[in-house]
Amino acid sequence: MKVTKVFAAAAVLLLSARVVSAQVAGIPFYPTATGLGVMVAAEYGSPDPGKATVGLRAGTGFGPFGISAMVAQVKSLSTETAIGGTVAMKVFGGGLVPVSIGVQGGFATWKDHVMVGFTPTTRTVTYMPVGVVARASIPLFPLKPFAVGYYALGTNLGTREKEFRANVGADFNLLLGLGFHAAYDYGSSFKTWGVGAHFNFRLPIPMM
């Protein structure tokens, strides 16, 4: 790997942890597409019994880089709005190589309702995952598996703060850019699964 790519990857991770608005509560930390194209997706996630998150995600790729943003409704004891996003960079692979490796990170925030003693309190949660993405893409095969290993940082996360997590899943792409995806995101503090539908408008250069 070229030294310039190593420094560029470090710069992306540092920028994402400080600037970009990542995984929203209950939604798996999906890979962010790079390449050239635009993606929109509808998401559903279920982190715990009785809780659910529904949201909309959109992203764009430009060369080896990509960004995405999400807005979601987090439903538990009450319904709260969460916002988030990611930045990503492909380090190597893709194209004629069936496996690609990249880095990505981001920032998300939402409100959380907790009891402090006997007093109900609303606090702001921030979540900052930073990690490595591996994707497999066999030409003409619609199933595209992926894996993400990442480290979770943030505030007011309780046991989820400073935790290593992993996410495994796959995209299933149909004709004309329509497709579906699913993933299972797990760590020591909690586990969540998610499903969604996406549409990719791709330019001639393949996305990651």
Protein backbone atom coordinates (compact mmCIF):
# COMPACT_ATOMS: atom_id res chain seq x y z
CA MET A 1 0.00 0.00 0.00
CA LYS A 2 1.33 3.43 -0.90
CA VAL A 3 2.33 5.73 1.95
CA THR A 4 0.10 8.48 0.53
CA LYS A 5 -2.94 6.22 0.85
CA VAL A 6 -2.11 5.47 4.48
CA PHE A 7 -1.97 9.18 5.29
CA ALA A 8 -5.16 9.82 3.31
CA ALA A 9 -6.99 7.06 5.20
CA ALA A 10 -5.92 8.54 8.53
CA ALA A 11 -7.12 11.96 7.40
CA VAL A 12 -10.54 10.58 6.43
CA LEU A 13 -10.99 8.91 9.81
CA LEU A 14 -9.94 12.02 11.70
CA LEU A 15 -12.28 14.22 9.66
CA SER A 16 -15.22 11.86 10.05
CA ALA A 17 -14.89 11.68 13.81
CA ARG A 18 -15.00 15.46 14.14
CA VAL A 19 -17.06 16.93 11.35
CA VAL A 20 -19.53 14.69 9.56
CA SER A 21 -23.00 14.16 10.91
CA ALA A 22 -22.95 7.37 11.12
CA GLN A 23 -24.93 4.71 12.37
CA VAL A 24 -28.23 5.95 13.76
CA ALA A 25 -29.61 4.13 16.80
CA GLY A 26 -30.75 0.65 15.80
CA ILE A 27 -29.53 0.77 12.18
CA PRO A 28 -26.49 -1.41 11.32
CA PHE A 29 -23.31 0.44 10.33
CA TYR A 30 -23.63 -0.20 6.60
CA PRO A 31 -20.73 0.35 4.17
CA THR A 32 -20.76 3.72 2.42
CA ALA A 33 -20.46 3.44 -1.36
CA THR A 34 -17.56 5.02 -3.23
CA GLY A 35 -16.98 5.23 -6.98
CA LEU A 36 -19.30 7.42 -9.06
CA GLY A 37 -23.02 7.40 -8.44
CA VAL A 38 -25.93 8.29 -6.16
CA MET A 39 -27.76 5.97 -3.75
CA VAL A 40 -31.02 6.33 -1.79
CA ALA A 41 -32.33 3.74 0.69
CA ALA A 42 -35.16 3.08 3.12
CA GLU A 43 -34.01 1.45 6.37
CA TYR A 44 -35.50 -0.58 9.23
CA GLY A 45 -33.62 -1.73 12.31
CA SER A 46 -34.59 -3.54 15.52
CA PRO A 47 -32.03 -3.26 18.35
CA ASP A 48 -34.21 -4.61 21.18
CA PRO A 49 -37.69 -6.12 21.65
CA GLY A 50 -40.21 -3.30 21.62
CA LYS A 51 -37.81 -0.87 19.91
CA ALA A 52 -37.47 -0.02 16.24
CA THR A 53 -35.81 2.51 13.98
CA VAL A 54 -37.02 3.52 10.53
CA GLY A 55 -35.14 5.97 8.33
CA LEU A 56 -34.04 7.28 4.98
CA ARG A 57 -30.40 7.18 3.85
CA ALA A 58 -28.78 8.84 0.85
CA GLY A 59 -25.22 8.94 -0.38
CA THR A 60 -22.94 9.77 -3.26
CA GLY A 61 -19.54 8.58 -4.40
CA PHE A 62 -16.81 10.56 -6.13
CA GLY A 63 -13.78 8.51 -7.09
CA PRO A 64 -12.30 6.65 -4.11
CA PHE A 65 -14.40 8.69 -1.66
CA GLY A 66 -18.04 8.55 -0.57
CA ILE A 67 -20.43 10.29 1.82
CA SER A 68 -23.88 9.45 3.15
CA ALA A 69 -26.49 11.06 5.39
CA MET A 70 -29.46 9.64 7.27
CA VAL A 71 -32.55 10.84 9.10
CA ALA A 72 -34.52 8.35 11.19
CA GLN A 73 -37.26 7.94 13.77
CA VAL A 74 -36.18 6.02 16.87
CA LYS A 75 -39.16 4.40 18.58
CA SER A 76 -38.99 3.10 22.16
CA LEU A 77 -40.85 4.70 25.08
CA SER A 78 -41.23 7.74 22.84
CA THR A 79 -40.37 8.64 19.26
CA GLU A 80 -37.27 10.73 18.64
CA THR A 81 -35.58 11.99 15.48
CA ALA A 82 -31.98 10.96 14.85
CA ILE A 83 -29.61 12.34 12.24
CA GLY A 84 -26.27 11.01 11.09
CA GLY A 85 -23.91 10.32 8.24
CA THR A 86 -20.61 8.80 7.19
CA VAL A 87 -17.56 9.47 5.07
CA ALA A 88 -15.58 6.66 3.44
CA MET A 89 -12.52 6.00 1.33
CA LYS A 90 -11.64 2.91 -0.70
CA VAL A 91 -8.02 1.97 0.03
CA PHE A 92 -7.56 -0.75 -2.59
CA GLY A 93 -9.45 -3.32 -4.66
CA GLY A 94 -12.64 -3.00 -6.67
CA GLY A 95 -13.01 -2.97 -10.43
CA LEU A 96 -11.61 -6.22 -11.78
CA VAL A 97 -10.50 -7.22 -8.25
CA PRO A 98 -13.45 -9.03 -6.59
CA VAL A 99 -12.60 -7.81 -3.06
CA SER A 100 -12.18 -4.21 -1.92
CA ILE A 101 -11.03 -2.74 1.39
CA GLY A 102 -11.93 0.71 2.68
CA VAL A 103 -12.17 2.85 5.79
CA GLN A 104 -15.15 4.82 7.04
CA GLY A 105 -16.37 6.74 10.05
CA GLY A 106 -19.00 9.21 11.10
CA PHE A 107 -21.12 10.91 13.71
CA ALA A 108 -24.77 10.53 14.77
CA THR A 109 -26.90 12.17 17.42
CA TRP A 110 -30.33 11.64 18.98
CA LYS A 111 -32.23 12.25 22.23
CA ASP A 112 -32.47 9.58 24.91
CA HIS A 113 -34.94 9.45 27.82
CA VAL A 114 -33.57 7.98 31.06
CA MET A 115 -34.38 7.97 34.76
CA VAL A 116 -31.91 9.67 37.09
CA GLY A 117 -33.06 8.43 40.47
CA PHE A 118 -36.80 9.07 40.30
CA THR A 119 -36.50 11.96 37.86
CA PRO A 120 -37.06 11.51 34.10
CA THR A 121 -34.25 13.16 32.15
CA THR A 122 -33.66 13.80 28.46
CA ARG A 123 -30.05 13.74 27.31
CA THR A 124 -28.30 14.10 23.95
CA VAL A 125 -26.47 11.00 22.71
CA THR A 126 -23.58 11.21 20.28
CA TYR A 127 -22.19 8.19 18.48
CA MET A 128 -18.92 8.07 16.52
CA PRO A 129 -18.01 4.74 14.87
CA VAL A 130 -14.72 4.43 12.99
CA GLY A 131 -13.72 1.24 11.18
CA VAL A 132 -12.62 -0.89 8.22
CA VAL A 133 -14.90 -2.23 5.47
CA ALA A 134 -14.40 -5.35 3.32
CA ARG A 135 -16.68 -6.02 0.34
CA ALA A 136 -16.86 -8.87 -2.17
CA SER A 137 -18.25 -8.26 -5.65
CA ILE A 138 -18.30 -11.10 -8.17
CA PRO A 139 -19.18 -9.84 -11.68
CA LEU A 140 -22.73 -10.72 -12.80
CA PHE A 141 -23.53 -12.21 -9.36
CA PRO A 142 -26.26 -10.14 -7.64
CA LEU A 143 -25.34 -10.98 -4.03
CA LYS A 144 -22.59 -8.69 -2.66
CA PRO A 145 -21.49 -9.66 0.88
CA PHE A 146 -19.74 -7.19 3.17
CA ALA A 147 -18.22 -6.98 6.65
CA VAL A 148 -17.43 -3.98 8.84
CA GLY A 149 -15.24 -4.00 11.93
CA TYR A 150 -15.39 -0.75 13.88
CA TYR A 151 -14.74 0.96 17.19
CA ALA A 152 -17.61 2.88 18.81
CA LEU A 153 -16.96 6.19 20.54
CA GLY A 154 -19.37 8.83 21.82
CA THR A 155 -21.12 10.34 24.82
CA ASN A 156 -24.07 9.16 26.95
CA LEU A 157 -23.83 5.70 25.37
CA GLY A 158 -23.51 3.77 28.63
CA THR A 159 -21.95 0.35 28.00
CA ARG A 160 -21.86 0.99 24.24
CA GLU A 161 -19.13 3.60 24.60
CA LYS A 162 -15.58 2.57 23.64
CA GLU A 163 -16.63 -0.80 22.30
CA PHE A 164 -15.42 -2.87 19.34
CA ARG A 165 -18.29 -4.03 17.14
CA ALA A 166 -18.76 -5.98 13.89
CA ASN A 167 -21.36 -5.91 11.17
CA VAL A 168 -21.94 -8.60 8.52
CA GLY A 169 -24.46 -8.53 5.71
CA ALA A 170 -25.06 -8.38 1.99
CA ASP A 171 -26.59 -6.34 -0.82
CA PHE A 172 -28.83 -8.08 -3.33
CA ASN A 173 -28.93 -6.00 -6.49
CA LEU A 174 -31.62 -6.38 -9.14
CA LEU A 175 -31.90 -4.78 -12.57
CA LEU A 176 -32.22 -1.03 -13.17
CA GLY A 177 -30.46 -0.10 -9.92
CA LEU A 178 -33.05 -1.48 -7.49
CA GLY A 179 -31.90 -3.76 -4.69
CA PHE A 180 -32.26 -4.92 -1.10
CA HIS A 181 -29.84 -5.27 1.80
CA ALA A 182 -29.67 -6.82 5.25
CA ALA A 183 -27.12 -6.90 8.05
CA TYR A 184 -26.52 -8.09 11.61
CA ASP A 185 -24.55 -5.70 13.84
CA TYR A 186 -23.23 -7.03 17.14
CA GLY A 187 -21.02 -6.24 20.12
CA SER A 188 -20.86 -6.95 23.84
CA SER A 189 -23.46 -4.33 24.83
CA PHE A 190 -26.25 -4.97 22.33
CA LYS A 191 -27.12 -6.55 18.99
CA THR A 192 -29.28 -5.28 16.17
CA TRP A 193 -30.44 -6.44 12.76
CA GLY A 194 -31.60 -4.37 9.87
CA VAL A 195 -33.15 -4.65 6.41
CA GLY A 196 -33.75 -2.11 3.69
CA ALA A 197 -34.34 -1.34 0.04
CA HIS A 198 -32.03 0.80 -2.08
CA PHE A 199 -31.74 2.36 -5.50
CA ASN A 200 -28.38 3.08 -7.13
CA PHE A 201 -27.95 5.46 -10.02
CA ARG A 202 -24.52 4.53 -11.26
CA LEU A 203 -22.20 6.14 -13.76
CA PRO A 204 -20.03 3.90 -15.99
CA ILE A 205 -17.26 3.55 -13.38
CA PRO A 206 -18.36 0.85 -10.87
CA MET A 207 -19.03 1.84 -7.26
CA MET A 208 -17.18 0.13 -4.40
